[in-house]
Amino acid sequence: MRVTLLGHACWLLETTAGCLLTDPLFFDPFEEGTVTSCPHRVVHVEQLPPLQGIVISHRHLDHFDIPSLAVLDRRVPVWCPADPFVLYGLQRLGFHEIHQMEAFVPQAIRSLRLLPTPSLNREVLEYGLLFQDASGTLFNQVDTFLAADTVHRMHREVGQIDVHLAMYASQNFHFFESQREQTAALHGINLHTTCLLNAGCVVPAAAGFRFVDELG
């Protein structure tokens, strides 16, 4: 399995079952023009390999990006949460084959196993993504918070995790709401989760943007 970061939470997975994209995000700025990729990147969409699947983790606009999905082949199967907002958007875009994910219900994509994992976040229906093929096991945590019981079940389901794309968010969103920021506590939770997962390789992920300013 080969994994390439295309920017923010958009990953290209090259597996024994073919190529998949998670949370496609190709263009800047995004999230209604409020943020842009950091570091700057350019995605040459026309050079992407043929896709066997697209996986959407949740509805937030930096993960469910309509302009990016609009340039992809509508015949490619999509896996997503059973979120009415996401389902409506995909249907309006014209995607024909939509698979609704459930926590710990395995999905078969040819020879690849996709296992969605639940999140403690109750504000949005979101999943972490376990991918397993003959070459190894990758866990994309995305934005999910994991209970200890969830981690234990993950180990029972797939054994040792080879690569953990760990949640990491450096942006201080509460600054705009005049709320106290709990950055240290959040980093502590993420480190604790990383230790519990005990993957062979850990990559801080899913936070590659900055807020737009007068420089673009």
Protein backbone atom coordinates (compact mmCIF):
# COMPACT_ATOMS: atom_id res chain seq x y z
CA MET A 1 0.00 0.00 0.00
CA ARG A 2 1.30 3.43 -0.95
CA VAL A 3 -0.19 6.58 0.55
CA THR A 4 0.30 10.11 -0.83
CA LEU A 5 -0.91 13.32 0.81
CA LEU A 6 -2.52 15.64 -1.75
CA GLY A 7 -3.25 18.34 0.81
CA HIS A 8 -5.07 18.77 4.12
CA ALA A 9 -7.05 15.52 4.64
CA CYS A 10 -7.01 14.38 1.00
CA TRP A 11 -5.01 11.17 0.59
CA LEU A 12 -4.42 9.03 -2.47
CA LEU A 13 -4.22 5.35 -1.54
CA GLU A 14 -2.62 2.94 -3.98
CA THR A 15 -3.62 -0.54 -2.80
CA THR A 16 -3.81 -4.09 -4.09
CA ALA A 17 -7.44 -3.28 -4.98
CA GLY A 18 -6.57 -0.17 -6.97
CA CYS A 19 -6.56 3.53 -6.08
CA LEU A 20 -8.84 5.39 -3.68
CA LEU A 21 -9.23 8.99 -2.56
CA THR A 22 -10.21 10.08 0.92
CA ASP A 23 -11.92 13.44 1.48
CA PRO A 24 -11.05 14.86 -1.98
CA LEU A 25 -9.83 18.45 -1.78
CA PHE A 26 -8.08 19.85 -4.85
CA PHE A 27 -8.61 23.61 -4.94
CA ASP A 28 -7.71 26.71 -2.91
CA PRO A 29 -9.17 28.50 -1.12
CA PHE A 30 -11.78 26.19 0.40
CA GLU A 31 -14.34 26.18 3.23
CA GLU A 32 -16.26 28.99 1.50
CA GLY A 33 -13.04 30.89 0.79
CA THR A 34 -11.88 31.17 4.41
CA VAL A 35 -8.80 28.92 4.37
CA THR A 36 -6.08 27.82 1.97
CA SER A 37 -3.63 24.93 1.91
CA CYS A 38 -0.42 25.33 3.87
CA PRO A 39 2.11 24.69 2.56
CA HIS A 40 0.86 25.80 -0.86
CA ARG A 41 0.19 22.96 -3.29
CA VAL A 42 -1.20 22.41 -6.77
CA VAL A 43 -3.16 19.25 -7.57
CA HIS A 44 -3.13 18.21 -11.22
CA VAL A 45 -6.47 16.43 -11.21
CA GLU A 46 -6.03 15.24 -14.80
CA GLN A 47 -3.00 13.22 -13.68
CA LEU A 48 -4.85 11.23 -11.02
CA PRO A 49 -4.96 7.48 -11.70
CA PRO A 50 -8.28 5.71 -12.32
CA LEU A 51 -10.13 5.39 -9.03
CA GLN A 52 -11.81 2.34 -7.51
CA GLY A 53 -13.43 4.36 -4.76
CA ILE A 54 -13.90 7.65 -2.94
CA VAL A 55 -14.27 7.74 0.85
CA ILE A 56 -15.84 10.67 2.71
CA SER A 57 -15.21 10.76 6.47
CA HIS A 58 -17.78 13.43 7.45
CA ARG A 59 -19.72 16.53 6.39
CA HIS A 60 -17.34 19.33 7.40
CA LEU A 61 -16.50 21.41 4.35
CA ASP A 62 -12.77 20.75 4.51
CA HIS A 63 -13.58 17.04 4.12
CA PHE A 64 -16.75 17.14 2.01
CA ASP A 65 -15.69 19.60 -0.68
CA ILE A 66 -18.29 19.97 -3.41
CA PRO A 67 -16.03 21.66 -6.03
CA SER A 68 -13.52 18.82 -5.81
CA LEU A 69 -16.14 16.08 -5.99
CA ALA A 70 -17.68 17.85 -8.99
CA VAL A 71 -14.61 17.16 -11.16
CA LEU A 72 -14.49 13.42 -10.41
CA ASP A 73 -16.06 10.62 -12.44
CA ARG A 74 -19.61 10.05 -11.16
CA ARG A 75 -19.29 6.33 -11.90
CA VAL A 76 -16.72 5.88 -9.12
CA PRO A 77 -18.27 4.26 -6.02
CA VAL A 78 -18.43 6.45 -2.91
CA TRP A 79 -18.37 5.36 0.73
CA CYS A 80 -19.72 7.88 3.25
CA PRO A 81 -21.59 8.25 6.55
CA ALA A 82 -25.38 7.97 6.54
CA ASP A 83 -25.59 11.75 6.87
CA PRO A 84 -28.52 13.35 4.99
CA PHE A 85 -26.40 16.39 4.07
CA VAL A 86 -23.67 14.23 2.53
CA LEU A 87 -26.08 11.87 0.81
CA TYR A 88 -28.08 14.73 -0.69
CA GLY A 89 -24.95 16.42 -1.99
CA LEU A 90 -23.61 13.26 -3.60
CA GLN A 91 -26.95 12.48 -5.21
CA ARG A 92 -27.29 16.02 -6.59
CA LEU A 93 -23.77 15.74 -8.03
CA GLY A 94 -24.87 12.58 -9.84
CA PHE A 95 -22.87 9.85 -8.15
CA HIS A 96 -24.53 6.55 -8.96
CA GLU A 97 -23.09 4.11 -6.43
CA ILE A 98 -23.20 5.35 -2.84
CA HIS A 99 -22.41 3.05 0.09
CA GLN A 100 -23.45 4.18 3.58
CA MET A 101 -20.89 3.30 6.23
CA GLU A 102 -21.58 2.10 9.77
CA ALA A 103 -19.14 1.77 12.64
CA PHE A 104 -17.26 -1.55 12.58
CA VAL A 105 -19.26 -2.85 9.62
CA PRO A 106 -16.57 -3.94 7.14
CA GLN A 107 -16.75 -2.84 3.52
CA ALA A 108 -15.08 -4.84 0.74
CA ILE A 109 -13.49 -2.90 -2.11
CA ARG A 110 -12.16 -5.73 -4.23
CA SER A 111 -9.26 -7.15 -2.19
CA LEU A 112 -9.23 -4.18 0.20
CA ARG A 113 -11.01 -4.15 3.54
CA LEU A 114 -12.40 -0.83 4.76
CA LEU A 115 -13.46 -0.73 8.40
CA PRO A 116 -15.09 2.51 9.62
CA THR A 117 -14.41 3.35 13.28
CA PRO A 118 -16.68 5.45 15.53
CA SER A 119 -15.94 8.81 17.12
CA LEU A 120 -16.78 10.21 20.54
CA ASN A 121 -17.77 13.46 18.79
CA ARG A 122 -21.56 13.67 18.93
CA GLU A 123 -21.84 16.95 17.01
CA VAL A 124 -21.26 15.34 13.62
CA LEU A 125 -21.47 11.81 12.25
CA GLU A 126 -17.86 11.02 11.43
CA TYR A 127 -15.69 7.94 11.01
CA GLY A 128 -12.06 7.03 11.20
CA LEU A 129 -10.95 4.79 8.34
CA LEU A 130 -9.07 1.51 8.66
CA PHE A 131 -7.72 0.18 5.37
CA GLN A 132 -6.26 -3.31 5.14
CA ASP A 133 -4.87 -5.24 2.18
CA ALA A 134 -2.26 -7.94 1.73
CA SER A 135 0.54 -5.40 2.17
CA GLY A 136 -0.51 -3.97 5.53
CA THR A 137 -2.93 -1.93 7.63
CA LEU A 138 -3.40 1.85 7.59
CA PHE A 139 -5.55 3.85 10.00
CA ASN A 140 -6.67 7.34 9.00
CA GLN A 141 -7.98 8.89 12.21
CA VAL A 142 -9.18 12.02 10.40
CA ASP A 143 -10.91 14.20 13.05
CA THR A 144 -12.23 11.42 15.28
CA PHE A 145 -11.84 11.06 19.03
CA LEU A 146 -11.40 7.42 20.03
CA ALA A 147 -12.58 5.66 23.19
CA ALA A 148 -10.22 3.08 24.68
CA ASP A 149 -12.80 0.36 23.93
CA THR A 150 -12.77 1.42 20.27
CA VAL A 151 -8.99 1.07 20.09
CA HIS A 152 -9.13 -2.37 21.72
CA ARG A 153 -11.74 -3.53 19.22
CA MET A 154 -9.66 -2.18 16.33
CA HIS A 155 -6.77 -4.34 17.47
CA ARG A 156 -9.05 -7.37 17.72
CA GLU A 157 -10.40 -6.73 14.22
CA VAL A 158 -7.17 -6.05 12.32
CA GLY A 159 -4.24 -6.81 14.64
CA GLN A 160 -1.18 -4.59 14.49
CA ILE A 161 -1.66 -1.25 12.72
CA ASP A 162 1.28 -0.43 10.47
CA VAL A 163 0.63 3.27 9.83
CA HIS A 164 -1.45 5.72 11.86
CA LEU A 165 -2.42 9.01 10.21
CA ALA A 166 -2.99 10.75 13.53
CA MET A 167 -5.31 13.65 14.23
CA TYR A 168 -3.44 16.90 14.62
CA ALA A 169 -4.97 20.37 14.57
CA SER A 170 -2.83 23.45 15.16
CA GLN A 171 -5.48 26.06 14.37
CA ASN A 172 -6.98 28.08 17.24
CA PHE A 173 -10.61 28.25 16.14
CA HIS A 174 -11.81 29.45 19.55
CA PHE A 175 -9.87 32.67 19.05
CA PHE A 176 -12.70 33.91 16.82
CA GLU A 177 -15.32 33.01 19.43
CA SER A 178 -13.49 34.59 22.40
CA GLN A 179 -13.37 31.20 24.08
CA ARG A 180 -10.56 29.74 26.10
CA GLU A 181 -8.42 27.47 23.98
CA GLN A 182 -7.65 24.00 25.36
CA THR A 183 -4.76 23.33 23.00
CA ALA A 184 -2.57 21.53 25.52
CA ALA A 185 -5.40 19.25 26.60
CA LEU A 186 -6.25 18.41 22.99
CA HIS A 187 -2.65 17.53 22.20
CA GLY A 188 -2.59 15.37 25.33
CA ILE A 189 -5.67 13.45 24.18
CA ASN A 190 -4.15 12.93 20.74
CA LEU A 191 -0.87 11.67 22.20
CA HIS A 192 -2.72 9.29 24.52
CA THR A 193 -4.68 7.89 21.56
CA THR A 194 -1.48 7.48 19.57
CA CYS A 195 0.11 5.52 22.41
CA LEU A 196 -2.95 3.26 22.71
CA LEU A 197 -2.96 2.52 18.98
CA ASN A 198 0.77 1.72 19.08
CA ALA A 199 1.17 1.77 15.29
CA GLY A 200 4.47 1.01 13.63
CA CYS A 201 4.59 4.51 12.09
CA VAL A 202 2.75 7.68 13.14
CA VAL A 203 2.11 10.65 10.82
CA PRO A 204 0.49 13.87 12.15
CA ALA A 205 -2.26 14.54 9.63
CA ALA A 206 -5.53 16.21 8.56
CA ALA A 207 -4.69 19.84 9.34
CA GLY A 208 -2.84 21.31 6.38
CA PHE A 209 -4.33 24.78 6.03
CA ARG A 210 -4.12 28.38 7.20
CA PHE A 211 -6.63 31.20 7.28
CA VAL A 212 -6.78 33.41 4.20
CA ASP A 213 -5.38 36.94 4.51
CA GLU A 214 -4.76 39.89 2.19
CA LEU A 215 -1.88 37.95 0.60
CA GLY A 216 -4.21 35.14 -0.44
